[in-house]
C-alpha cells in the first residue's frame, strides 16, 4: 500500500472515482473496489466516471466506465520564407 501511495505522489496522480461510489454491497458492508487514477492533464479531460449498469460481467461487483476526451486539436502553422 505504501508503494502505491509513493507512485501516486511521484507521478502526481489523482483519484477520479468518487469515494461515495459503491461497487460491492452485502448486508452491512459497502465497498469501493475500483480505484481510477489519472494525471492532472487527463483529469481535466474527464467526461465521465460512473457505474456501467449496462455491462453484465457475471460478477458480484459493479463495473466502472471511465470516459476521457483524448481528441487532439490541430494547430495551423504559418510558413515563412527564409
C-alpha atoms as a PDB file:
ATOM      1  CA  UNK A   1       0.000   0.000   0.000  1.00  0.00           C
ATOM      2  CA  UNK A   2       2.837   2.415   0.812  1.00  0.00           C
ATOM      3  CA  UNK A   3       4.410   1.689  -2.571  1.00  0.00           C
ATOM      4  CA  UNK A   4       1.171   2.615  -4.310  1.00  0.00           C
ATOM      5  CA  UNK A   5       0.975   5.890  -2.388  1.00  0.00           C
ATOM      6  CA  UNK A   6       4.563   6.709  -3.325  1.00  0.00           C
ATOM      7  CA  UNK A   7       3.852   6.038  -7.021  1.00  0.00           C
ATOM      8  CA  UNK A   8       0.782   8.284  -6.837  1.00  0.00           C
ATOM      9  CA  UNK A   9       2.807  11.100  -5.284  1.00  0.00           C
ATOM     10  CA  UNK A  10       5.757  10.630  -7.617  1.00  0.00           C
ATOM     11  CA  UNK A  11       3.574  10.902 -10.740  1.00  0.00           C
ATOM     12  CA  UNK A  12       1.060  13.412  -9.317  1.00  0.00           C
ATOM     13  CA  UNK A  13      -1.817  11.003  -9.901  1.00  0.00           C
ATOM     14  CA  UNK A  14      -5.304  11.932  -8.795  1.00  0.00           C
ATOM     15  CA  UNK A  15      -8.284   9.760  -7.967  1.00  0.00           C
ATOM     16  CA  UNK A  16     -11.230  10.475 -10.281  1.00  0.00           C
ATOM     17  CA  UNK A  17     -13.607   7.915  -8.861  1.00  0.00           C
ATOM     18  CA  UNK A  18     -15.928   9.420  -6.281  1.00  0.00           C
ATOM     19  CA  UNK A  19     -15.346   7.801  -2.906  1.00  0.00           C
ATOM     20  CA  UNK A  20     -19.096   7.533  -2.464  1.00  0.00           C
ATOM     21  CA  UNK A  21     -19.424   5.118  -5.416  1.00  0.00           C
ATOM     22  CA  UNK A  22     -20.210   1.664  -4.052  1.00  0.00           C
ATOM     23  CA  UNK A  23     -19.059  -1.283  -6.178  1.00  0.00           C
ATOM     24  CA  UNK A  24     -19.998  -4.107  -3.850  1.00  0.00           C
ATOM     25  CA  UNK A  25     -22.841  -4.312  -1.369  1.00  0.00           C
ATOM     26  CA  UNK A  26     -23.546  -7.158   1.049  1.00  0.00           C
ATOM     27  CA  UNK A  27     -25.697  -6.957   4.176  1.00  0.00           C
ATOM     28  CA  UNK A  28     -23.992  -4.240   6.247  1.00  0.00           C
ATOM     29  CA  UNK A  29     -20.901  -3.839   4.059  1.00  0.00           C
ATOM     30  CA  UNK A  30     -20.390  -1.295   1.274  1.00  0.00           C
ATOM     31  CA  UNK A  31     -17.048  -1.388  -0.525  1.00  0.00           C
ATOM     32  CA  UNK A  32     -15.349   0.658  -3.224  1.00  0.00           C
ATOM     33  CA  UNK A  33     -13.172  -1.825  -5.082  1.00  0.00           C
ATOM     34  CA  UNK A  34     -12.141   0.085  -8.180  1.00  0.00           C
ATOM     35  CA  UNK A  35      -9.727   2.972  -7.902  1.00  0.00           C
ATOM     36  CA  UNK A  36      -9.130   5.029 -11.034  1.00  0.00           C
ATOM     37  CA  UNK A  37      -6.127   7.354 -11.041  1.00  0.00           C
ATOM     38  CA  UNK A  38      -5.065   9.747 -13.798  1.00  0.00           C
ATOM     39  CA  UNK A  39      -2.558  12.546 -14.301  1.00  0.00           C
ATOM     40  CA  UNK A  40      -3.675  16.170 -13.908  1.00  0.00           C
ATOM     41  CA  UNK A  41      -3.860  16.588 -17.709  1.00  0.00           C
ATOM     42  CA  UNK A  42      -6.147  13.587 -18.060  1.00  0.00           C
ATOM     43  CA  UNK A  43      -8.250  14.686 -15.103  1.00  0.00           C
ATOM     44  CA  UNK A  44      -9.049  17.867 -17.000  1.00  0.00           C
ATOM     45  CA  UNK A  45     -10.261  15.775 -19.957  1.00  0.00           C
ATOM     46  CA  UNK A  46     -12.602  13.605 -17.888  1.00  0.00           C
ATOM     47  CA  UNK A  47     -16.039  13.225 -19.450  1.00  0.00           C
ATOM     48  CA  UNK A  48     -17.478  10.540 -17.189  1.00  0.00           C
ATOM     49  CA  UNK A  49     -16.557   8.107 -14.458  1.00  0.00           C
ATOM     50  CA  UNK A  50     -19.531   6.103 -13.298  1.00  0.00           C
ATOM     51  CA  UNK A  51     -21.087   2.689 -12.777  1.00  0.00           C
ATOM     52  CA  UNK A  52     -21.648   0.875 -16.075  1.00  0.00           C
ATOM     53  CA  UNK A  53     -25.088  -0.548 -15.398  1.00  0.00           C
ATOM     54  CA  UNK A  54     -25.343  -1.939 -18.942  1.00  0.00           C
ATOM     55  CA  UNK A  55     -22.325  -4.220 -18.516  1.00  0.00           C
ATOM     56  CA  UNK A  56     -23.178  -7.664 -17.236  1.00  0.00           C
ATOM     57  CA  UNK A  57     -19.923  -9.309 -16.219  1.00  0.00           C
ATOM     58  CA  UNK A  58     -21.399 -12.095 -14.041  1.00  0.00           C
ATOM     59  CA  UNK A  59     -19.551 -10.674 -11.074  1.00  0.00           C
ATOM     60  CA  UNK A  60     -20.560  -9.809  -7.540  1.00  0.00           C
ATOM     61  CA  UNK A  61     -19.424  -6.201  -8.011  1.00  0.00           C
ATOM     62  CA  UNK A  62     -20.337  -3.419 -10.408  1.00  0.00           C
ATOM     63  CA  UNK A  63     -18.224  -2.480 -13.415  1.00  0.00           C
ATOM     64  CA  UNK A  64     -16.982   1.063 -13.930  1.00  0.00           C
ATOM     65  CA  UNK A  65     -16.872   3.109 -17.111  1.00  0.00           C
ATOM     66  CA  UNK A  66     -14.324   5.888 -17.470  1.00  0.00           C
ATOM     67  CA  UNK A  67     -14.537   8.192 -20.489  1.00  0.00           C
ATOM     68  CA  UNK A  68     -11.797  10.699 -21.295  1.00  0.00           C
ATOM     69  CA  UNK A  69     -11.656  13.236 -24.109  1.00  0.00           C
ATOM     70  CA  UNK A  70      -8.391  12.380 -25.844  1.00  0.00           C
ATOM     71  CA  UNK A  71      -9.018  14.317 -29.033  1.00  0.00           C
ATOM     72  CA  UNK A  72      -6.050  16.140 -30.474  1.00  0.00           C
ATOM     73  CA  UNK A  73      -6.509  19.687 -31.679  1.00  0.00           C
ATOM     74  CA  UNK A  74      -4.573  20.623 -34.768  1.00  0.00           C
ATOM     75  CA  UNK A  75      -2.701  23.868 -34.897  1.00  0.00           C
ATOM     76  CA  UNK A  76      -2.340  25.857 -38.086  1.00  0.00           C
ATOM     77  CA  UNK A  77       1.292  26.517 -38.910  1.00  0.00           C
ATOM     78  CA  UNK A  78       2.163  29.552 -40.995  1.00  0.00           C
ATOM     79  CA  UNK A  79       5.040  29.003 -43.353  1.00  0.00           C
ATOM     80  CA  UNK A  80       7.555  31.776 -43.588  1.00  0.00           C
ATOM     81  CA  UNK A  81      10.149  32.398 -46.231  1.00  0.00           C
ATOM     82  CA  UNK A  82      13.757  32.173 -45.362  1.00  0.00           C
END
